[in-house]
Amino acid sequence: MWWKNSKLFYIRAQRCVELSCQIRAVKNWKTVRIGLFDIEVCSVKYTPFKGDKTYRYVVSRERNKTGQTDTEYQDNFIYRAILTTDTDSSDQEVIEYYNQRGAAEKIFDEMNNDFGWKKLPFSFLEQNTVFMMVMAMCRNFFLHLLTVFSEKVSFVKTTYRLKKFIFRFVVVPFKWIYHSRQNILKLYTKKEYPLLI
């Protein structure tokens, strides 16, 4: 099996009844800051599948923004657990290490869906490599533009994907009006585009 070839592993754990009961019994949650959010974390020792090996589960919880009560836990938290063999790292270090994987997957998702990596345009590897590098540079340029625009106007956020940015910012109905011997650009929107000039 895979665990025979690996000393350390980090896997997102699925909830089960026994693990949920053990998590509910935890009273001392520690508050840590991960990224931009304060979350509560704890570690639980658990033996899955009624086996003979005990693993460490690093459990994190954060308040549900809707305030809705979870029927399983009878509180308004969202719980996530990471199964690991790493006993030396702190709870926060385990979560941050695991989240690095998600950040890399998000970048590949953006590159595949927003910047054309899903369907490469050429038949030769060298040409596709150049295309992928140019698209990666375009993504960096796009992220810089998002940062600049989001500081100047309220309706652009740094979290926008390319398609959302195009529909919220770029696509605007307009008309050129000739008035007083001048061509004037009339935008049909209530958004504050003049702030960018």
Protein backbone atom coordinates (compact mmCIF):
# COMPACT_ATOMS: atom_id res chain seq x y z
CA MET A 1 0.00 0.00 0.00
CA TRP A 2 0.98 3.67 -0.35
CA TRP A 3 1.72 4.22 3.36
CA LYS A 4 4.56 1.67 3.23
CA ASN A 5 6.49 3.94 0.83
CA SER A 6 5.84 7.24 2.60
CA LYS A 7 6.94 8.46 6.02
CA LEU A 8 4.67 11.52 6.07
CA PHE A 9 1.33 12.04 4.41
CA TYR A 10 -1.43 14.64 4.63
CA ILE A 11 -4.92 13.64 3.44
CA ARG A 12 -8.24 15.46 3.73
CA ALA A 13 -10.28 13.22 6.03
CA GLN A 14 -13.92 12.37 5.55
CA ARG A 15 -16.16 12.63 8.57
CA CYS A 16 -17.55 9.51 10.15
CA VAL A 17 -19.67 8.98 13.26
CA GLU A 18 -16.83 7.90 15.57
CA LEU A 19 -14.58 10.77 14.50
CA SER A 20 -17.45 13.24 14.85
CA CYS A 21 -18.10 12.05 18.42
CA GLN A 22 -14.43 12.45 19.27
CA ILE A 23 -14.34 15.97 17.77
CA ARG A 24 -17.48 16.96 19.69
CA ALA A 25 -15.79 15.90 22.93
CA VAL A 26 -12.88 18.32 22.43
CA LYS A 27 -13.14 21.30 24.79
CA ASN A 28 -9.81 23.09 24.36
CA TRP A 29 -9.67 24.62 20.87
CA LYS A 30 -6.74 26.88 20.06
CA THR A 31 -7.31 29.99 17.91
CA VAL A 32 -4.72 30.52 15.15
CA ARG A 33 -4.50 32.83 12.14
CA ILE A 34 -4.22 31.05 8.79
CA GLY A 35 -4.00 33.39 5.83
CA LEU A 36 -6.59 36.09 6.48
CA PHE A 37 -8.83 34.10 8.80
CA ASP A 38 -8.84 33.23 12.49
CA ILE A 39 -9.81 29.60 12.94
CA GLU A 40 -9.87 27.19 15.85
CA VAL A 41 -7.71 24.06 15.69
CA CYS A 42 -7.08 20.90 17.69
CA SER A 43 -5.49 17.48 17.27
CA VAL A 44 -7.25 14.18 17.81
CA LYS A 45 -5.80 10.67 17.83
CA TYR A 46 -8.06 8.32 15.89
CA THR A 47 -7.93 4.75 14.59
CA PRO A 48 -9.85 4.57 11.29
CA PHE A 49 -11.61 1.48 9.94
CA LYS A 50 -11.24 -0.31 13.29
CA GLY A 51 -7.64 -0.98 12.35
CA ASP A 52 -4.60 -1.31 14.56
CA LYS A 53 -2.78 1.90 13.57
CA THR A 54 -3.64 5.23 15.19
CA TYR A 55 -3.25 8.46 13.21
CA ARG A 56 -3.29 12.13 14.07
CA TYR A 57 -6.26 14.13 12.83
CA VAL A 58 -5.73 17.88 12.75
CA VAL A 59 -9.20 19.39 12.97
CA SER A 60 -10.03 23.00 12.16
CA ARG A 61 -13.30 24.80 12.58
CA GLU A 62 -14.58 28.22 11.65
CA ARG A 63 -17.90 29.92 12.19
CA ASN A 64 -20.50 29.37 9.51
CA LYS A 65 -21.17 32.76 7.90
CA THR A 66 -24.87 31.94 7.50
CA GLY A 67 -25.28 31.20 11.21
CA GLN A 68 -27.07 27.96 10.34
CA THR A 69 -26.77 25.16 12.89
CA ASP A 70 -25.14 21.91 11.76
CA THR A 71 -27.39 18.95 12.57
CA GLU A 72 -24.47 16.60 13.24
CA TYR A 73 -22.48 18.83 15.60
CA GLN A 74 -25.36 20.98 16.92
CA ASP A 75 -23.39 24.22 16.48
CA ASN A 76 -22.73 26.76 13.74
CA PHE A 77 -19.17 25.77 12.76
CA ILE A 78 -17.69 24.30 9.59
CA TYR A 79 -15.32 21.44 10.46
CA ARG A 80 -12.41 20.18 8.36
CA ALA A 81 -9.96 17.41 9.26
CA ILE A 82 -6.57 16.40 7.90
CA LEU A 83 -5.29 12.86 8.45
CA THR A 84 -1.51 12.84 8.92
CA THR A 85 1.42 10.84 10.24
CA ASP A 86 3.28 14.06 11.07
CA THR A 87 3.47 14.20 14.87
CA ASP A 88 6.20 16.86 15.11
CA SER A 89 4.55 19.85 13.41
CA SER A 90 2.03 22.08 15.14
CA ASP A 91 -1.62 22.08 14.08
CA GLN A 92 -1.14 25.39 12.28
CA GLU A 93 1.92 24.11 10.37
CA VAL A 94 0.04 20.99 9.22
CA ILE A 95 -2.90 23.06 7.93
CA GLU A 96 -0.63 25.58 6.17
CA TYR A 97 1.38 22.78 4.56
CA TYR A 98 -1.80 21.05 3.37
CA ASN A 99 -3.21 24.34 2.03
CA GLN A 100 -0.16 24.81 -0.22
CA ARG A 101 -1.48 21.94 -2.33
CA GLY A 102 -4.83 23.66 -2.72
CA ALA A 103 -3.18 26.93 -3.74
CA ALA A 104 -1.20 25.16 -6.47
CA GLU A 105 -4.33 23.37 -7.72
CA LYS A 106 -6.18 26.70 -7.86
CA ILE A 107 -3.44 28.20 -10.04
CA PHE A 108 -3.62 25.24 -12.44
CA ASP A 109 -7.42 25.55 -12.50
CA GLU A 110 -7.11 29.22 -13.49
CA MET A 111 -4.49 28.47 -16.13
CA ASN A 112 -6.55 25.62 -17.62
CA ASN A 113 -9.89 27.41 -17.69
CA ASP A 114 -9.02 31.11 -18.03
CA PHE A 115 -5.76 31.16 -19.97
CA GLY A 116 -6.10 28.29 -22.43
CA TRP A 117 -3.86 25.60 -20.99
CA LYS A 118 -6.68 23.06 -21.30
CA LYS A 119 -6.56 23.06 -25.12
CA LEU A 120 -3.06 23.80 -26.34
CA PRO A 121 -3.10 25.36 -29.84
CA PHE A 122 -0.01 23.77 -31.41
CA SER A 123 1.17 20.29 -32.35
CA PHE A 124 4.75 20.65 -31.16
CA LEU A 125 5.98 20.69 -27.59
CA GLU A 126 8.33 23.67 -28.07
CA GLN A 127 5.54 25.87 -29.44
CA ASN A 128 3.13 24.82 -26.68
CA THR A 129 5.82 25.52 -24.06
CA VAL A 130 6.19 29.07 -25.37
CA PHE A 131 2.39 29.46 -25.41
CA MET A 132 2.12 28.27 -21.80
CA MET A 133 4.87 30.64 -20.66
CA VAL A 134 3.25 33.61 -22.42
CA MET A 135 -0.11 32.75 -20.86
CA ALA A 136 1.54 32.51 -17.42
CA MET A 137 2.93 36.02 -17.96
CA CYS A 138 -0.55 37.17 -19.04
CA ARG A 139 -1.96 35.78 -15.78
CA ASN A 140 0.61 37.73 -13.76
CA PHE A 141 -0.21 40.89 -15.72
CA PHE A 142 -3.94 40.28 -15.19
CA LEU A 143 -3.43 39.87 -11.42
CA HIS A 144 -1.48 43.13 -11.34
CA LEU A 145 -4.29 44.92 -13.23
CA LEU A 146 -6.85 43.50 -10.80
CA THR A 147 -4.85 44.85 -7.87
CA VAL A 148 -4.54 48.31 -9.43
CA PHE A 149 -8.20 48.52 -10.48
CA SER A 150 -9.55 47.18 -7.18
CA GLU A 151 -7.77 50.01 -5.33
CA LYS A 152 -9.45 52.64 -7.52
CA VAL A 153 -13.00 51.32 -8.02
CA SER A 154 -15.25 49.46 -5.63
CA PHE A 155 -16.86 47.07 -8.12
CA VAL A 156 -13.64 45.20 -9.00
CA LYS A 157 -12.28 42.68 -6.49
CA THR A 158 -8.86 41.03 -6.42
CA THR A 159 -10.55 37.61 -6.27
CA TYR A 160 -12.24 37.95 -9.69
CA ARG A 161 -11.51 35.33 -12.30
CA LEU A 162 -10.96 36.44 -15.91
CA LYS A 163 -14.53 35.82 -17.12
CA LYS A 164 -16.08 37.65 -14.17
CA PHE A 165 -13.69 40.58 -14.68
CA ILE A 166 -14.68 40.80 -18.34
CA PHE A 167 -18.42 40.78 -17.59
CA ARG A 168 -18.21 43.17 -14.61
CA PHE A 169 -15.61 45.64 -15.90
CA VAL A 170 -14.90 45.35 -19.62
CA VAL A 171 -18.34 44.73 -21.13
CA VAL A 172 -20.12 48.09 -20.93
CA PRO A 173 -22.71 49.42 -23.37
CA PHE A 174 -21.60 52.72 -24.86
CA LYS A 175 -22.32 55.15 -27.66
CA TRP A 176 -20.26 57.84 -29.36
CA ILE A 177 -22.21 61.11 -29.31
CA TYR A 178 -21.27 64.04 -31.50
CA HIS A 179 -21.90 67.15 -29.43
CA SER A 180 -20.45 70.69 -29.76
CA ARG A 181 -18.11 69.58 -32.54
CA GLN A 182 -16.68 66.86 -30.30
CA ASN A 183 -17.07 63.12 -30.08
CA ILE A 184 -18.08 62.22 -26.53
CA LEU A 185 -18.09 58.68 -25.21
CA LYS A 186 -21.35 57.99 -23.37
CA LEU A 187 -21.24 54.97 -21.04
CA TYR A 188 -24.58 53.45 -20.09
CA THR A 189 -23.70 52.42 -16.56
CA LYS A 190 -23.84 53.76 -13.02
CA LYS A 191 -20.37 52.43 -12.19
CA GLU A 192 -17.64 54.93 -11.42
CA TYR A 193 -15.37 54.44 -14.44
CA PRO A 194 -14.13 58.07 -14.45
CA LEU A 195 -12.19 57.29 -11.25
CA LEU A 196 -9.72 55.27 -13.33
CA ILE A 197 -8.70 58.21 -15.49
